[in-house]
Amino acid sequence: MSAKVLERFPAGSPRGSWPAEEYAARRRAEGEPATVVMDLKSDAFLVVVPHGDED
């Protein structure tokens, strides 16, 4: 099982700002199983959804 990246957000957001979490919450409210993960290599938060091999 792999994941599809919906959006990426820089990790340097102002203190108290969680744009990746807010974006993921909106996607979850629409029925998508969105999760936030950290990409250490690019220093960014990624909003991902599970992506099977059927495509």
PDB file of N, CA and C in Angstrom:
ATOM      1  N   MET A   1       0.860  -1.182   0.000  1.00  0.00           N
ATOM      2  CA  MET A   1       0.000   0.000   0.000  1.00  0.00           C
ATOM      3  C   MET A   1       0.898   1.234   0.000  1.00  0.00           C
ATOM      4  N   SER A   2       0.572   2.173  -0.851  1.00  0.00           N
ATOM      5  CA  SER A   2       1.311   3.424  -0.901  1.00  0.00           C
ATOM      6  C   SER A   2       0.372   4.575  -0.553  1.00  0.00           C
ATOM      7  N   ALA A   3       0.889   5.780  -0.586  1.00  0.00           N
ATOM      8  CA  ALA A   3       0.083   6.954  -0.241  1.00  0.00           C
ATOM      9  C   ALA A   3       0.169   7.983  -1.360  1.00  0.00           C
ATOM     10  N   LYS A   4      -0.922   8.698  -1.562  1.00  0.00           N
ATOM     11  CA  LYS A   4      -0.984   9.778  -2.538  1.00  0.00           C
ATOM     12  C   LYS A   4      -0.882  11.099  -1.778  1.00  0.00           C
ATOM     13  N   VAL A   5       0.023  11.969  -2.196  1.00  0.00           N
ATOM     14  CA  VAL A   5       0.198  13.276  -1.551  1.00  0.00           C
ATOM     15  C   VAL A   5      -0.844  14.242  -2.121  1.00  0.00           C
ATOM     16  N   LEU A   6      -1.668  14.784  -1.248  1.00  0.00           N
ATOM     17  CA  LEU A   6      -2.671  15.759  -1.671  1.00  0.00           C
ATOM     18  C   LEU A   6      -2.108  17.178  -1.662  1.00  0.00           C
ATOM     19  N   GLU A   7      -1.284  17.469  -0.670  1.00  0.00           N
ATOM     20  CA  GLU A   7      -0.763  18.834  -0.498  1.00  0.00           C
ATOM     21  C   GLU A   7       0.488  18.780   0.352  1.00  0.00           C
ATOM     22  N   ARG A   8       1.382  19.766   0.183  1.00  0.00           N
ATOM     23  CA  ARG A   8       2.567  19.862   1.045  1.00  0.00           C
ATOM     24  C   ARG A   8       2.645  21.277   1.620  1.00  0.00           C
ATOM     25  N   PHE A   9       3.117  21.344   2.851  1.00  0.00           N
ATOM     26  CA  PHE A   9       3.211  22.610   3.573  1.00  0.00           C
ATOM     27  C   PHE A   9       4.606  22.731   4.186  1.00  0.00           C
ATOM     28  N   PRO A  10       5.258  23.878   4.073  1.00  0.00           N
ATOM     29  CA  PRO A  10       6.579  24.034   4.694  1.00  0.00           C
ATOM     30  C   PRO A  10       6.483  23.883   6.203  1.00  0.00           C
ATOM     31  N   ALA A  11       7.518  23.325   6.796  1.00  0.00           N
ATOM     32  CA  ALA A  11       7.523  23.091   8.240  1.00  0.00           C
ATOM     33  C   ALA A  11       7.719  24.380   9.034  1.00  0.00           C
ATOM     34  N   GLY A  12       8.114  25.446   8.409  1.00  0.00           N
ATOM     35  CA  GLY A  12       8.405  26.692   9.117  1.00  0.00           C
ATOM     36  C   GLY A  12       7.216  27.606   9.326  1.00  0.00           C
ATOM     37  N   SER A  13       6.046  27.078   9.542  1.00  0.00           N
ATOM     38  CA  SER A  13       4.863  27.919   9.783  1.00  0.00           C
ATOM     39  C   SER A  13       5.002  28.652  11.114  1.00  0.00           C
ATOM     40  N   PRO A  14       4.339  29.798  11.237  1.00  0.00           N
ATOM     41  CA  PRO A  14       4.404  30.542  12.509  1.00  0.00           C
ATOM     42  C   PRO A  14       3.898  29.692  13.676  1.00  0.00           C
ATOM     43  N   ARG A  15       4.419  29.944  14.842  1.00  0.00           N
ATOM     44  CA  ARG A  15       4.014  29.214  16.042  1.00  0.00           C
ATOM     45  C   ARG A  15       2.499  29.308  16.233  1.00  0.00           C
ATOM     46  N   GLY A  16       1.880  28.179  16.504  1.00  0.00           N
ATOM     47  CA  GLY A  16       0.433  28.141  16.705  1.00  0.00           C
ATOM     48  C   GLY A  16      -0.354  27.962  15.418  1.00  0.00           C
ATOM     49  N   SER A  17       0.340  27.935  14.280  1.00  0.00           N
ATOM     50  CA  SER A  17      -0.312  27.753  12.990  1.00  0.00           C
ATOM     51  C   SER A  17      -0.105  26.308  12.535  1.00  0.00           C
ATOM     52  N   TRP A  18      -1.174  25.633  12.165  1.00  0.00           N
ATOM     53  CA  TRP A  18      -1.113  24.236  11.755  1.00  0.00           C
ATOM     54  C   TRP A  18      -1.820  24.050  10.422  1.00  0.00           C
ATOM     55  N   PRO A  19      -1.329  24.656   9.343  1.00  0.00           N
ATOM     56  CA  PRO A  19      -2.060  24.592   8.068  1.00  0.00           C
ATOM     57  C   PRO A  19      -2.234  23.178   7.522  1.00  0.00           C
ATOM     58  N   ALA A  20      -1.251  22.312   7.703  1.00  0.00           N
ATOM     59  CA  ALA A  20      -1.386  20.937   7.207  1.00  0.00           C
ATOM     60  C   ALA A  20      -2.485  20.198   7.957  1.00  0.00           C
ATOM     61  N   GLU A  21      -2.521  20.347   9.273  1.00  0.00           N
ATOM     62  CA  GLU A  21      -3.564  19.696  10.077  1.00  0.00           C
ATOM     63  C   GLU A  21      -4.944  20.237   9.724  1.00  0.00           C
ATOM     64  N   GLU A  22      -5.046  21.546   9.496  1.00  0.00           N
ATOM     65  CA  GLU A  22      -6.324  22.149   9.140  1.00  0.00           C
ATOM     66  C   GLU A  22      -6.797  21.648   7.771  1.00  0.00           C
ATOM     67  N   TYR A  23      -5.874  21.550   6.829  1.00  0.00           N
ATOM     68  CA  TYR A  23      -6.210  21.036   5.493  1.00  0.00           C
ATOM     69  C   TYR A  23      -6.670  19.581   5.587  1.00  0.00           C
ATOM     70  N   ALA A  24      -5.936  18.772   6.349  1.00  0.00           N
ATOM     71  CA  ALA A  24      -6.307  17.362   6.514  1.00  0.00           C
ATOM     72  C   ALA A  24      -7.679  17.233   7.171  1.00  0.00           C
ATOM     73  N   ALA A  25      -7.965  18.070   8.146  1.00  0.00           N
ATOM     74  CA  ALA A  25      -9.264  18.027   8.821  1.00  0.00           C
ATOM     75  C   ALA A  25     -10.397  18.330   7.834  1.00  0.00           C
ATOM     76  N   ARG A  26     -10.174  19.296   6.938  1.00  0.00           N
ATOM     77  CA  ARG A  26     -11.201  19.606   5.928  1.00  0.00           C
ATOM     78  C   ARG A  26     -11.404  18.415   4.990  1.00  0.00           C
ATOM     79  N   ARG A  27     -10.319  17.755   4.592  1.00  0.00           N
ATOM     80  CA  ARG A  27     -10.440  16.574   3.722  1.00  0.00           C
ATOM     81  C   ARG A  27     -11.176  15.452   4.440  1.00  0.00           C
ATOM     82  N   ARG A  28     -10.863  15.248   5.744  1.00  0.00           N
ATOM     83  CA  ARG A  28     -11.562  14.208   6.504  1.00  0.00           C
ATOM     84  C   ARG A  28     -13.047  14.529   6.617  1.00  0.00           C
ATOM     85  N   ALA A  29     -13.394  15.806   6.776  1.00  0.00           N
ATOM     86  CA  ALA A  29     -14.802  16.208   6.853  1.00  0.00           C
ATOM     87  C   ALA A  29     -15.533  15.895   5.546  1.00  0.00           C
ATOM     88  N   GLU A  30     -14.786  15.846   4.440  1.00  0.00           N
ATOM     89  CA  GLU A  30     -15.363  15.516   3.133  1.00  0.00           C
ATOM     90  C   GLU A  30     -15.334  14.013   2.854  1.00  0.00           C
ATOM     91  N   GLY A  31     -14.844  13.230   3.823  1.00  0.00           N
ATOM     92  CA  GLY A  31     -14.865  11.778   3.679  1.00  0.00           C
ATOM     93  C   GLY A  31     -13.560  11.137   3.244  1.00  0.00           C
ATOM     94  N   GLU A  32     -12.507  11.916   3.037  1.00  0.00           N
ATOM     95  CA  GLU A  32     -11.211  11.341   2.660  1.00  0.00           C
ATOM     96  C   GLU A  32     -10.408  11.016   3.917  1.00  0.00           C
ATOM     97  N   PRO A  33      -9.748   9.866   3.964  1.00  0.00           N
ATOM     98  CA  PRO A  33      -8.964   9.489   5.145  1.00  0.00           C
ATOM     99  C   PRO A  33      -7.583  10.163   5.157  1.00  0.00           C
ATOM    100  N   ALA A  34      -7.553  11.481   5.181  1.00  0.00           N
ATOM    101  CA  ALA A  34      -6.304  12.237   5.095  1.00  0.00           C
ATOM    102  C   ALA A  34      -5.525  12.197   6.409  1.00  0.00           C
ATOM    103  N   THR A  35      -4.205  12.099   6.270  1.00  0.00           N
ATOM    104  CA  THR A  35      -3.292  12.067   7.407  1.00  0.00           C
ATOM    105  C   THR A  35      -2.133  13.009   7.115  1.00  0.00           C
ATOM    106  N   VAL A  36      -1.546  13.555   8.163  1.00  0.00           N
ATOM    107  CA  VAL A  36      -0.377  14.420   8.011  1.00  0.00           C
ATOM    108  C   VAL A  36       0.873  13.636   8.404  1.00  0.00           C
ATOM    109  N   VAL A  37       1.882  13.685   7.534  1.00  0.00           N
ATOM    110  CA  VAL A  37       3.171  13.060   7.815  1.00  0.00           C
ATOM    111  C   VAL A  37       4.264  14.092   7.570  1.00  0.00           C
ATOM    112  N   MET A  38       5.408  13.879   8.202  1.00  0.00           N
ATOM    113  CA  MET A  38       6.545  14.779   8.040  1.00  0.00           C
ATOM    114  C   MET A  38       7.533  14.179   7.055  1.00  0.00           C
ATOM    115  N   ASP A  39       7.918  14.960   6.048  1.00  0.00           N
ATOM    116  CA  ASP A  39       8.972  14.551   5.123  1.00  0.00           C
ATOM    117  C   ASP A  39      10.244  15.263   5.578  1.00  0.00           C
ATOM    118  N   LEU A  40      11.096  14.531   6.278  1.00  0.00           N
ATOM    119  CA  LEU A  40      12.313  15.124   6.843  1.00  0.00           C
ATOM    120  C   LEU A  40      13.264  15.621   5.768  1.00  0.00           C
ATOM    121  N   LYS A  41      13.319  14.923   4.653  1.00  0.00           N
ATOM    122  CA  LYS A  41      14.236  15.303   3.586  1.00  0.00           C
ATOM    123  C   LYS A  41      13.930  16.695   3.030  1.00  0.00           C
ATOM    124  N   SER A  42      12.648  16.994   2.838  1.00  0.00           N
ATOM    125  CA  SER A  42      12.256  18.294   2.285  1.00  0.00           C
ATOM    126  C   SER A  42      11.819  19.281   3.357  1.00  0.00           C
ATOM    127  N   ASP A  43      11.832  18.864   4.630  1.00  0.00           N
ATOM    128  CA  ASP A  43      11.405  19.705   5.747  1.00  0.00           C
ATOM    129  C   ASP A  43      10.005  20.265   5.499  1.00  0.00           C
ATOM    130  N   ALA A  44       9.081  19.352   5.192  1.00  0.00           N
ATOM    131  CA  ALA A  44       7.707  19.748   4.898  1.00  0.00           C
ATOM    132  C   ALA A  44       6.738  18.740   5.492  1.00  0.00           C
ATOM    133  N   PHE A  45       5.535  19.222   5.775  1.00  0.00           N
ATOM    134  CA  PHE A  45       4.448  18.353   6.194  1.00  0.00           C
ATOM    135  C   PHE A  45       3.649  17.995   4.950  1.00  0.00           C
ATOM    136  N   LEU A  46       3.343  16.712   4.795  1.00  0.00           N
ATOM    137  CA  LEU A  46       2.571  16.231   3.655  1.00  0.00           C
ATOM    138  C   LEU A  46       1.212  15.740   4.132  1.00  0.00           C
ATOM    139  N   VAL A  47       0.171  16.106   3.404  1.00  0.00           N
ATOM    140  CA  VAL A  47      -1.158  15.564   3.662  1.00  0.00           C
ATOM    141  C   VAL A  47      -1.338  14.438   2.657  1.00  0.00           C
ATOM    142  N   VAL A  48      -1.528  13.227   3.172  1.00  0.00           N
ATOM    143  CA  VAL A  48      -1.596  12.040   2.317  1.00  0.00           C
ATOM    144  C   VAL A  48      -2.876  11.259   2.565  1.00  0.00           C
ATOM    145  N   VAL A  49      -3.256  10.473   1.553  1.00  0.00           N
ATOM    146  CA  VAL A  49      -4.354   9.515   1.672  1.00  0.00           C
ATOM    147  C   VAL A  49      -3.831   8.174   1.166  1.00  0.00           C
ATOM    148  N   PRO A  50      -4.341   7.064   1.721  1.00  0.00           N
ATOM    149  CA  PRO A  50      -3.917   5.746   1.235  1.00  0.00           C
ATOM    150  C   PRO A  50      -4.221   5.631  -0.258  1.00  0.00           C
ATOM    151  N   HIS A  51      -3.291   5.000  -0.979  1.00  0.00           N
ATOM    152  CA  HIS A  51      -3.432   4.850  -2.421  1.00  0.00           C
ATOM    153  C   HIS A  51      -3.041   3.434  -2.786  1.00  0.00           C
ATOM    154  N   GLY A  52      -4.022   2.663  -3.226  1.00  0.00           N
ATOM    155  CA  GLY A  52      -3.748   1.280  -3.619  1.00  0.00           C
ATOM    156  C   GLY A  52      -3.091   1.208  -4.991  1.00  0.00           C
ATOM    157  N   ASP A  53      -2.855   0.006  -5.460  1.00  0.00           N
ATOM    158  CA  ASP A  53      -2.214  -0.196  -6.748  1.00  0.00           C
ATOM    159  C   ASP A  53      -3.216  -0.343  -7.889  1.00  0.00           C
ATOM    160  N   GLU A  54      -4.471  -0.024  -7.649  1.00  0.00           N
ATOM    161  CA  GLU A  54      -5.485  -0.231  -8.680  1.00  0.00           C
ATOM    162  C   GLU A  54      -5.430   0.791  -9.805  1.00  0.00           C
ATOM    163  N   ASP A  55      -4.737   1.925  -9.655  1.00  0.00           N
ATOM    164  CA  ASP A  55      -4.679   2.961 -10.712  1.00  0.00           C
ATOM    165  C   ASP A  55      -3.667   2.601 -11.757  1.00  0.00           C
TER     166      ASP A  55
END
